[in-house]
Amino acid sequence: MPKQRKLIEPSDFERMRVFRQPISIFLQGVQIGEDVIIQSHDDELVVSTTGEKFVKANCDFLSKR
C-alpha cells in the first residue's frame, strides 16, 4: 500500500488540484472517497471533478505517494 500524507495547508490541496493527483477522503475514519480529483477548494470545501462536495472541517484528506 502506498504511503499517504494528510493534506492540511491550502498549498497541499492546490498542489493536488494543479497536478490532478488522486486523493482519498475519510469521514470519522470511514473512507468516503477514493481516487478523487480536486476541481476546486476554498477554506471550507473541497469540490471533486464529479461535483461532490466535502467539508474540510469534517473530513481527512490524504494524498497517495
N, C-alpha and C. Protein backbone atom coordinates (compact mmCIF):
# COMPACT_ATOMS: atom_id res chain seq x y z
N MET A 1 0.84 -1.18 0.00
CA MET A 1 0.00 0.00 0.00
C MET A 1 0.89 1.25 0.00
N PRO A 2 0.59 2.23 -0.87
CA PRO A 2 1.43 3.43 -0.91
C PRO A 2 1.27 4.25 0.38
N LYS A 3 2.34 4.98 0.71
CA LYS A 3 2.26 5.88 1.85
C LYS A 3 1.26 6.97 1.56
N GLN A 4 0.56 7.42 2.60
CA GLN A 4 -0.38 8.51 2.42
C GLN A 4 0.02 9.66 3.34
N ARG A 5 -0.18 10.88 2.85
CA ARG A 5 0.17 12.07 3.61
C ARG A 5 -1.08 12.93 3.73
N LYS A 6 -1.34 13.40 4.94
CA LYS A 6 -2.53 14.21 5.19
C LYS A 6 -2.36 15.60 4.57
N LEU A 7 -3.40 16.03 3.86
CA LEU A 7 -3.41 17.39 3.30
C LEU A 7 -3.93 18.33 4.37
N ILE A 8 -3.17 19.37 4.66
CA ILE A 8 -3.54 20.29 5.73
C ILE A 8 -3.60 21.73 5.22
N GLU A 9 -2.52 22.16 4.61
CA GLU A 9 -2.40 23.55 4.16
C GLU A 9 -3.11 23.75 2.82
N PRO A 10 -3.58 24.99 2.56
CA PRO A 10 -4.17 25.28 1.24
C PRO A 10 -3.23 24.91 0.09
N SER A 11 -1.93 25.07 0.30
CA SER A 11 -0.97 24.72 -0.75
C SER A 11 -0.96 23.22 -1.03
N ASP A 12 -1.25 22.39 -0.01
CA ASP A 12 -1.34 20.94 -0.21
C ASP A 12 -2.49 20.61 -1.16
N PHE A 13 -3.64 21.22 -0.91
CA PHE A 13 -4.82 20.99 -1.75
C PHE A 13 -4.58 21.53 -3.17
N GLU A 14 -3.96 22.69 -3.25
CA GLU A 14 -3.71 23.31 -4.55
C GLU A 14 -2.76 22.45 -5.39
N ARG A 15 -1.75 21.90 -4.77
CA ARG A 15 -0.81 21.04 -5.48
C ARG A 15 -1.54 19.82 -6.06
N MET A 16 -2.40 19.21 -5.28
CA MET A 16 -3.17 18.05 -5.75
C MET A 16 -4.10 18.44 -6.90
N ARG A 17 -4.68 19.64 -6.82
CA ARG A 17 -5.58 20.12 -7.87
C ARG A 17 -4.83 20.38 -9.17
N VAL A 18 -3.74 21.15 -9.08
CA VAL A 18 -2.99 21.54 -10.27
C VAL A 18 -2.44 20.32 -11.01
N PHE A 19 -1.90 19.36 -10.26
CA PHE A 19 -1.30 18.18 -10.88
C PHE A 19 -2.28 17.02 -11.03
N ARG A 20 -3.55 17.27 -10.69
CA ARG A 20 -4.63 16.29 -10.86
C ARG A 20 -4.26 14.94 -10.23
N GLN A 21 -3.73 15.02 -9.01
CA GLN A 21 -3.34 13.82 -8.28
C GLN A 21 -4.54 13.29 -7.49
N PRO A 22 -4.77 11.99 -7.52
CA PRO A 22 -5.91 11.43 -6.77
C PRO A 22 -5.66 11.47 -5.26
N ILE A 23 -6.74 11.70 -4.53
CA ILE A 23 -6.67 11.71 -3.07
C ILE A 23 -7.74 10.76 -2.51
N SER A 24 -7.56 10.38 -1.26
CA SER A 24 -8.56 9.60 -0.52
C SER A 24 -9.17 10.51 0.52
N ILE A 25 -10.45 10.30 0.80
CA ILE A 25 -11.16 11.14 1.76
C ILE A 25 -11.83 10.24 2.80
N PHE A 26 -11.65 10.62 4.08
CA PHE A 26 -12.20 9.85 5.18
C PHE A 26 -13.08 10.75 6.05
N LEU A 27 -14.20 10.19 6.50
CA LEU A 27 -15.11 10.87 7.41
C LEU A 27 -15.24 9.98 8.64
N GLN A 28 -14.77 10.45 9.77
CA GLN A 28 -14.79 9.70 11.03
C GLN A 28 -14.16 8.31 10.87
N GLY A 29 -13.05 8.27 10.14
CA GLY A 29 -12.31 7.03 9.97
C GLY A 29 -12.83 6.11 8.89
N VAL A 30 -13.94 6.48 8.25
CA VAL A 30 -14.52 5.67 7.18
C VAL A 30 -14.21 6.31 5.84
N GLN A 31 -13.67 5.53 4.92
CA GLN A 31 -13.33 6.07 3.60
C GLN A 31 -14.61 6.36 2.83
N ILE A 32 -14.75 7.64 2.41
CA ILE A 32 -15.94 8.04 1.64
C ILE A 32 -15.57 8.45 0.22
N GLY A 33 -14.28 8.51 -0.07
CA GLY A 33 -13.84 8.84 -1.42
C GLY A 33 -12.49 8.24 -1.70
N GLU A 34 -12.33 7.69 -2.90
CA GLU A 34 -11.06 7.11 -3.31
C GLU A 34 -10.76 7.58 -4.73
N ASP A 35 -9.51 7.91 -4.98
CA ASP A 35 -9.09 8.40 -6.30
C ASP A 35 -9.88 9.65 -6.72
N VAL A 36 -10.17 10.50 -5.75
CA VAL A 36 -10.90 11.75 -6.00
C VAL A 36 -9.92 12.77 -6.58
N ILE A 37 -10.34 13.46 -7.63
CA ILE A 37 -9.56 14.55 -8.23
C ILE A 37 -10.22 15.86 -7.82
N ILE A 38 -9.44 16.78 -7.30
CA ILE A 38 -9.97 18.07 -6.84
C ILE A 38 -10.19 19.00 -8.02
N GLN A 39 -11.41 19.51 -8.13
CA GLN A 39 -11.73 20.53 -9.14
C GLN A 39 -11.46 21.91 -8.57
N SER A 40 -11.90 22.12 -7.31
CA SER A 40 -11.68 23.41 -6.65
C SER A 40 -11.70 23.20 -5.14
N HIS A 41 -11.24 24.22 -4.44
CA HIS A 41 -11.25 24.18 -2.97
C HIS A 41 -11.19 25.60 -2.45
N ASP A 42 -11.68 25.77 -1.23
CA ASP A 42 -11.54 27.05 -0.53
C ASP A 42 -11.29 26.73 0.95
N ASP A 43 -11.49 27.70 1.82
CA ASP A 43 -11.21 27.47 3.24
C ASP A 43 -12.14 26.44 3.87
N GLU A 44 -13.33 26.24 3.28
CA GLU A 44 -14.33 25.36 3.88
C GLU A 44 -14.59 24.07 3.14
N LEU A 45 -14.51 24.10 1.80
CA LEU A 45 -14.93 22.96 0.99
C LEU A 45 -13.88 22.50 0.00
N VAL A 46 -13.99 21.22 -0.35
CA VAL A 46 -13.26 20.64 -1.48
C VAL A 46 -14.34 20.13 -2.43
N VAL A 47 -14.23 20.49 -3.71
CA VAL A 47 -15.18 20.04 -4.72
C VAL A 47 -14.43 19.14 -5.70
N SER A 48 -15.00 17.95 -5.93
CA SER A 48 -14.36 16.99 -6.85
C SER A 48 -14.77 17.27 -8.28
N THR A 49 -14.08 16.63 -9.22
CA THR A 49 -14.41 16.79 -10.64
C THR A 49 -15.77 16.18 -10.97
N THR A 50 -16.30 15.36 -10.08
CA THR A 50 -17.63 14.79 -10.29
C THR A 50 -18.72 15.60 -9.59
N GLY A 51 -18.33 16.73 -8.97
CA GLY A 51 -19.30 17.62 -8.34
C GLY A 51 -19.58 17.34 -6.87
N GLU A 52 -18.94 16.32 -6.31
CA GLU A 52 -19.14 16.04 -4.89
C GLU A 52 -18.46 17.11 -4.05
N LYS A 53 -19.09 17.47 -2.93
CA LYS A 53 -18.54 18.48 -2.03
C LYS A 53 -18.21 17.84 -0.70
N PHE A 54 -17.03 18.18 -0.18
CA PHE A 54 -16.55 17.63 1.08
C PHE A 54 -16.16 18.80 1.99
N VAL A 55 -16.63 18.77 3.24
CA VAL A 55 -16.33 19.83 4.20
C VAL A 55 -14.97 19.55 4.83
N LYS A 56 -14.07 20.51 4.70
CA LYS A 56 -12.70 20.32 5.20
C LYS A 56 -12.67 20.06 6.70
N ALA A 57 -13.53 20.73 7.47
CA ALA A 57 -13.51 20.59 8.93
C ALA A 57 -13.96 19.20 9.37
N ASN A 58 -14.71 18.50 8.54
CA ASN A 58 -15.27 17.20 8.93
C ASN A 58 -14.50 16.00 8.39
N CYS A 59 -13.66 16.21 7.39
CA CYS A 59 -13.02 15.10 6.69
C CYS A 59 -11.50 15.16 6.82
N ASP A 60 -10.88 14.00 6.61
CA ASP A 60 -9.44 13.91 6.47
C ASP A 60 -9.15 13.62 5.01
N PHE A 61 -8.20 14.36 4.45
CA PHE A 61 -7.83 14.25 3.04
C PHE A 61 -6.41 13.73 2.97
N LEU A 62 -6.20 12.64 2.25
CA LEU A 62 -4.89 12.03 2.18
C LEU A 62 -4.43 11.89 0.73
N SER A 63 -3.18 12.29 0.50
CA SER A 63 -2.59 12.10 -0.83
C SER A 63 -1.98 10.73 -0.87
N LYS A 64 -1.91 10.16 -2.06
CA LYS A 64 -1.24 8.88 -2.25
C LYS A 64 0.14 9.16 -2.79
N ARG A 65 1.17 8.65 -2.12
CA ARG A 65 2.52 8.83 -2.62
C ARG A 65 3.33 7.61 -2.43
